[in-house]
Protein backbone atom coordinates (compact mmCIF):
# COMPACT_ATOMS: atom_id res chain seq x y z
CA MET A 1 0.00 0.00 0.00
CA PRO A 2 1.41 3.44 -0.91
CA LEU A 3 2.29 5.62 2.07
CA THR A 4 0.04 8.36 0.73
CA ASP A 5 -2.95 6.06 1.32
CA LEU A 6 -2.35 6.30 5.06
CA PRO A 7 -4.13 9.42 6.43
CA ALA A 8 -1.42 10.23 8.98
CA ALA A 9 1.37 9.83 6.41
CA ARG A 10 -0.54 11.94 3.88
CA ALA A 11 -1.12 14.65 6.50
CA PHE A 12 2.58 14.62 7.43
CA ILE A 13 3.69 14.87 3.80
CA LEU A 14 1.30 17.74 3.08
CA HIS A 15 2.25 19.57 6.26
CA TRP A 16 5.99 19.06 5.63
CA GLY A 17 5.50 20.53 2.16
CA GLU A 18 3.69 23.52 3.61
CA MET A 19 6.34 24.03 6.28
CA GLY A 20 9.04 23.77 3.61
CA THR A 21 7.66 26.88 1.94
CA HIS A 22 8.05 28.75 5.25
CA TRP A 23 11.64 27.54 5.54
CA GLY A 24 12.51 28.69 2.02
CA VAL A 25 12.28 25.22 0.49
CA ASN A 26 10.11 24.40 -2.50
CA ARG A 27 6.93 22.54 -1.51
CA SER A 28 7.69 19.63 -3.86
CA VAL A 29 11.19 19.25 -2.42
CA ALA A 30 9.80 19.09 1.12
CA GLN A 31 7.07 16.61 0.12
CA VAL A 32 9.57 14.31 -1.60
CA HIS A 33 11.72 14.47 1.52
CA ALA A 34 8.75 13.64 3.75
CA LEU A 35 7.74 10.66 1.61
CA LEU A 36 11.28 9.25 1.59
CA TYR A 37 11.70 9.92 5.31
CA LEU A 38 8.58 7.90 6.10
CA SER A 39 9.44 5.07 3.72
CA ASP A 40 10.98 1.92 5.16
CA HIS A 41 12.51 0.92 1.83
CA PRO A 42 14.25 2.56 -1.13
CA VAL A 43 11.77 4.26 -3.47
CA PRO A 44 12.24 4.69 -7.24
CA ALA A 45 11.55 8.12 -8.71
CA ASP A 46 8.56 6.80 -10.68
CA ASP A 47 6.86 5.76 -7.44
CA ILE A 48 7.50 9.20 -5.95
CA VAL A 49 5.89 10.76 -9.03
CA ASP A 50 2.84 8.48 -8.69
CA GLN A 51 2.38 8.81 -4.93
CA LEU A 52 2.79 12.59 -4.77
CA VAL A 53 1.16 13.28 -8.15
CA LEU A 54 4.07 15.49 -9.19
CA ALA A 55 5.68 16.02 -12.57
CA ARG A 56 8.73 13.86 -13.19
CA SER A 57 10.82 17.03 -13.63
CA ASN A 58 9.73 18.30 -10.19
CA VAL A 59 10.71 15.01 -8.58
CA SER A 60 14.05 15.00 -10.39
CA THR A 61 14.78 18.56 -9.27
CA ALA A 62 13.68 17.75 -5.72
CA LEU A 63 15.92 14.70 -5.55
CA LYS A 64 18.92 16.73 -6.76
CA GLU A 65 18.23 19.41 -4.14
CA LEU A 66 17.84 16.86 -1.33
CA HIS A 67 20.96 15.05 -2.47
CA GLY A 68 22.80 18.41 -2.38
CA TYR A 69 21.81 18.78 1.26
CA GLY A 70 23.08 15.26 1.92
CA ILE A 71 19.76 14.09 3.37
CA VAL A 72 18.75 11.82 0.48
CA ARG A 73 20.96 9.37 -1.34
CA ARG A 74 20.65 7.21 -4.43
CA VAL A 75 20.82 3.46 -3.92
CA HIS A 76 20.60 0.48 -6.22
CA VAL A 77 18.24 -2.39 -5.62
CA GLU A 78 19.37 -5.77 -6.86
CA GLY A 79 17.36 -6.91 -9.86
CA ASP A 80 16.03 -3.43 -10.62
CA ARG A 81 17.88 -1.17 -13.04
CA ARG A 82 16.13 1.98 -11.77
CA ASP A 83 17.70 4.30 -9.23
CA HIS A 84 16.03 4.22 -5.86
CA PHE A 85 16.24 6.83 -3.12
CA VAL A 86 16.40 6.77 0.66
CA ALA A 87 16.34 9.59 3.18
CA GLU A 88 18.52 10.06 6.22
CA THR A 89 16.42 8.99 9.18
CA ASP A 90 18.79 9.98 11.99
CA LEU A 91 17.22 13.30 12.98
CA TRP A 92 20.39 14.72 14.49
CA GLU A 93 22.39 13.83 11.41
CA MET A 94 19.68 15.39 9.24
CA LEU A 95 19.75 18.59 11.32
CA ILE A 96 23.55 18.77 11.17
CA ARG A 97 23.64 18.26 7.39
CA ILE A 98 20.89 20.79 6.69
CA SER A 99 22.48 23.34 9.03
CA ALA A 100 25.90 22.89 7.46
CA GLU A 101 24.54 23.30 3.94
CA ARG A 102 22.42 26.33 4.84
CA LYS A 103 25.42 27.92 6.53
CA ARG A 104 27.55 27.27 3.45
CA ARG A 105 24.90 28.68 1.09
CA GLU A 106 23.55 31.56 3.16
CA ILE A 107 25.70 32.59 6.11
CA ASP A 108 29.23 32.22 4.73
CA PRO A 109 28.62 34.49 1.70
CA THR A 110 26.96 37.05 3.99
CA VAL A 111 29.92 37.05 6.39
CA ALA A 112 32.31 37.46 3.44
CA LEU A 113 30.33 40.38 2.00
CA LEU A 114 29.97 42.09 5.37
CA ALA A 115 33.72 41.72 6.01
CA GLU A 116 34.43 43.32 2.64
CA LEU A 117 31.96 46.16 3.26
CA ALA A 118 33.19 46.78 6.81
CA GLY A 119 36.74 46.91 5.49
CA GLN A 120 35.79 49.41 2.79
CA LEU A 121 33.79 51.56 5.18
CA ALA A 122 36.55 51.65 7.81
CA SER A 123 38.48 54.07 5.63
CA ASP A 124 35.52 55.76 3.91
CA THR A 125 34.94 58.95 5.87
CA SER A 126 32.36 60.07 3.32
CA ALA A 127 29.97 57.31 4.43
CA PRO A 128 27.65 58.26 7.29
CA ALA A 129 29.00 57.10 10.65
CA HIS A 130 25.82 55.20 11.46
CA VAL A 131 26.12 53.16 8.23
CA ARG A 132 29.74 52.26 9.02
CA GLU A 133 28.84 51.38 12.59
CA ARG A 134 25.79 49.27 11.70
CA ILE A 135 27.48 47.27 8.96
CA THR A 136 30.48 46.67 11.23
CA ARG A 137 28.18 45.56 14.09
CA MET A 138 26.25 43.28 11.73
CA HIS A 139 29.52 41.74 10.53
CA GLU A 140 30.69 41.15 14.10
CA PHE A 141 27.32 39.70 15.11
CA ILE A 142 26.97 37.27 12.21
CA SER A 143 30.65 36.31 12.44
CA THR A 144 30.15 35.53 16.14
CA LEU A 145 27.10 33.38 15.33
CA SER A 146 29.04 31.62 12.58
CA SER A 147 31.96 30.96 14.91
CA TRP A 148 29.61 29.67 17.61
CA TYR A 149 27.96 27.35 15.08
CA ASP A 150 31.37 26.01 13.98
CA GLN A 151 32.30 25.29 17.60
CA VAL A 152 28.99 23.61 18.42
CA ARG A 153 29.06 21.67 15.14
CA GLY A 154 32.30 20.04 16.28
CA LEU A 155 30.75 18.62 19.43
CA PRO A 156 29.90 14.92 19.56
CA LYS A 157 26.19 14.12 19.11
CA PRO A 158 25.69 12.99 22.73
CA THR A 159 27.08 16.34 23.91
CA LEU A 160 24.79 18.21 21.51
CA VAL A 161 21.79 16.28 22.79
CA THR A 162 22.70 17.07 26.39
CA LEU A 163 23.26 20.73 25.53
CA MET A 164 19.88 20.94 23.79
CA LYS A 165 18.13 19.27 26.73
CA LEU A 166 19.74 21.71 29.15
CA GLY A 167 18.27 24.62 27.22
CA GLY A 168 18.34 27.81 29.27
CA LYS A 169 19.74 25.95 32.30
CA VAL A 170 23.15 26.12 30.63
CA ALA A 171 23.25 29.82 31.62
CA ARG A 172 24.00 28.87 35.23
CA PHE A 173 27.41 27.63 34.03
CA VAL A 174 28.25 30.98 32.48
CA THR A 175 29.11 34.11 34.40
CA PRO A 176 28.89 37.17 32.15
CA GLY A 177 32.08 39.22 32.05
CA LYS A 178 34.24 36.52 33.64
CA LYS A 179 36.69 34.48 31.63
CA ARG A 180 37.18 30.87 32.59
CA SER A 181 40.74 29.69 33.08
CA SER A 182 40.48 27.42 30.04
CA GLU A 183 39.89 30.40 27.70
C-alpha cells in the first residue's frame, strides 16, 4: 500500500510541504523528503511521481536538491535497473547536514560580504557614521554566530543532545564578564 494512502502519512507529507515553503524550500522538495523519510525501503523516482502526483521534472529537481543537502541518497536495488532513493532517518544527522549546507549557502557568503563592506567603510569617511557602525556591528554579530555554530558543530552528538536538553539551564554555568581559566 502506498504511504500516501495512510491518512497520517498523507497529512505529514502535506504539512511538511507547507512548512518547507516557510523555511525557504520548494513545496515539492519538502514533500519528496517527507515521503522518503517515512518510507521503510528505497523508493524509485517513478513511485515518488505516482504517490505525490508530481511532474517527473519536479521530482528529479527535488531529488537533486535533497541530495545536495546530503539528506537523500541514491541506492541500487538488486534486480532493478532503476535508481532508488532513501532519506537520512537519523534526525540529528539530518539537522547537522541541513544546518551545514544552509550555513555554506547563506551565512558564509553574507559574512564574506559584510567583512568586505566593513573593510571598505573603515576608511571611507564620506559614508555616514551610522552606516559604518551598523554594517560593522552586523559583521561582528553574524561572524560571532558563525563561529559559535562552527564550535557547536564540532561537538559529539551525545554532547549536543545534552546541551539541547539543558536549554536555558546552561546559563547557570556561564558568568557574564568573567573568563574561565580554560579560555
